[in-house]
Amino acid sequence: MNIYQAVTMNENDKVAVALKNIEKNSTVELMHKNGKIKVVLLDDIDFGHKFSIVPIKKGEKILKYGEVIGAATRDIGVGEHVHVHNLEGTRGRGDQVG
C-alpha cells in the first residue's frame, strides 16, 4: 500500500498540499492529471502547507483545489514552498479578479 504525503484535487492545480511535515530534499510522489508524479522538495514543508508541482512564473495565477489563490510575486521552481514570501493573495481585492 502506497501512503501519499501530499495531495492535489484538480488537474489544473499548480501546488500540492502536504499531508504531514516533509523534509527538504525528500521525493514526494502524488497523483496529478490522471497519473503519478514525483517532486523533490527544495524546502521543508509543514503539514497543510503548499509546494509547487510545476514551474510558476512571476505574476502567474496559482491554483489550489482548482481555485485561484493568488499570484506569484517571483518565479517559483518545482518543489519550492509556496506561501506569503512568494504568493500575493488576490481574493477579496477589487483591483484583482481571480
Protein backbone atom coordinates (compact mmCIF):
# COMPACT_ATOMS: atom_id res chain seq x y z
CA MET A 1 0.00 0.00 0.00
CA ASN A 2 1.38 3.41 -1.01
CA ILE A 3 0.90 6.21 1.54
CA TYR A 4 0.79 9.61 -0.12
CA GLN A 5 2.45 12.59 1.58
CA ALA A 6 0.67 15.31 -0.40
CA VAL A 7 -2.48 15.88 -2.39
CA THR A 8 -3.88 17.86 -5.31
CA MET A 9 -7.61 18.00 -6.02
CA ASN A 10 -7.81 19.34 -9.56
CA GLU A 11 -5.88 18.57 -12.74
CA ASN A 12 -5.08 22.29 -13.13
CA ASP A 13 -3.55 22.68 -9.66
CA LYS A 14 -0.07 24.19 -9.63
CA VAL A 15 0.57 23.34 -5.99
CA ALA A 16 0.13 20.31 -3.75
CA VAL A 17 -0.73 20.36 -0.05
CA ALA A 18 1.41 18.42 2.43
CA LEU A 19 -0.48 15.80 4.47
CA LYS A 20 2.34 15.73 7.03
CA ASN A 21 5.61 17.54 7.73
CA ILE A 22 8.02 16.71 4.90
CA GLU A 23 11.76 17.40 4.96
CA LYS A 24 13.74 19.28 2.33
CA ASN A 25 15.27 17.01 -0.33
CA SER A 26 12.51 14.40 0.11
CA THR A 27 10.98 12.96 -3.04
CA VAL A 28 7.21 13.17 -2.87
CA GLU A 29 5.06 11.01 -5.13
CA LEU A 30 1.48 12.11 -5.76
CA MET A 31 -1.38 11.71 -8.19
CA HIS A 32 -1.85 14.54 -10.69
CA LYS A 33 -3.56 14.68 -14.08
CA ASN A 34 -4.51 11.00 -14.01
CA GLY A 35 -1.01 9.82 -13.23
CA LYS A 36 1.73 9.75 -10.63
CA ILE A 37 4.33 12.49 -10.48
CA LYS A 38 7.44 12.84 -8.33
CA VAL A 39 8.64 16.13 -6.87
CA VAL A 40 11.90 16.73 -4.98
CA LEU A 41 11.29 19.32 -2.28
CA LEU A 42 13.60 22.33 -2.20
CA ASP A 43 12.37 23.41 1.26
CA ASP A 44 10.95 21.86 4.42
CA ILE A 45 7.17 21.76 4.02
CA ASP A 46 4.96 21.76 7.12
CA PHE A 47 1.67 19.91 7.34
CA GLY A 48 -1.04 21.83 5.46
CA HIS A 49 1.45 23.99 3.55
CA LYS A 50 1.81 24.13 -0.22
CA PHE A 51 4.63 23.39 -2.63
CA SER A 52 4.88 23.92 -6.37
CA ILE A 53 4.44 20.91 -8.64
CA VAL A 54 5.07 22.88 -11.84
CA PRO A 55 7.26 25.90 -12.61
CA ILE A 56 5.35 29.12 -11.85
CA LYS A 57 6.35 32.44 -13.41
CA LYS A 58 6.21 35.80 -11.63
CA GLY A 59 2.70 37.23 -11.94
CA GLU A 60 1.16 33.88 -12.88
CA LYS A 61 -2.03 32.81 -11.12
CA ILE A 62 -1.59 29.97 -8.63
CA LEU A 63 -4.28 27.31 -8.47
CA LYS A 64 -5.02 25.12 -5.43
CA TYR A 65 -8.02 22.76 -5.41
CA GLY A 66 -8.91 24.19 -8.83
CA GLU A 67 -9.29 27.73 -7.48
CA VAL A 68 -7.06 30.78 -7.91
CA ILE A 69 -5.48 31.53 -4.52
CA GLY A 70 -3.22 34.35 -5.65
CA ALA A 71 -0.37 35.32 -7.95
CA ALA A 72 3.34 34.58 -7.77
CA THR A 73 5.44 37.55 -6.64
CA ARG A 74 8.52 35.93 -8.21
CA ASP A 75 9.38 32.83 -10.24
CA ILE A 76 8.77 29.67 -8.21
CA GLY A 77 10.56 26.43 -9.00
CA VAL A 78 9.16 22.91 -8.76
CA GLY A 79 9.41 21.71 -5.16
CA GLU A 80 9.52 25.18 -3.58
CA HIS A 81 7.40 26.16 -0.60
CA VAL A 82 4.54 28.41 -1.75
CA HIS A 83 3.49 30.87 0.93
CA VAL A 84 3.38 34.60 1.76
CA HIS A 85 7.05 35.08 0.76
CA ASN A 86 6.28 34.30 -2.91
CA LEU A 87 2.47 34.46 -3.17
CA GLU A 88 0.23 37.51 -3.12
CA GLY A 89 -3.42 36.83 -2.39
CA THR A 90 -5.96 38.17 -4.86
CA ARG A 91 -9.20 37.12 -3.18
CA GLY A 92 -11.37 39.94 -1.90
CA ARG A 93 -9.38 42.61 -3.75
CA GLY A 94 -11.36 44.86 -6.04
CA ASP A 95 -8.31 45.51 -8.21
CA GLN A 96 -7.59 41.79 -8.74
CA VAL A 97 -10.10 39.41 -10.26
CA GLY A 98 -9.50 35.67 -9.65
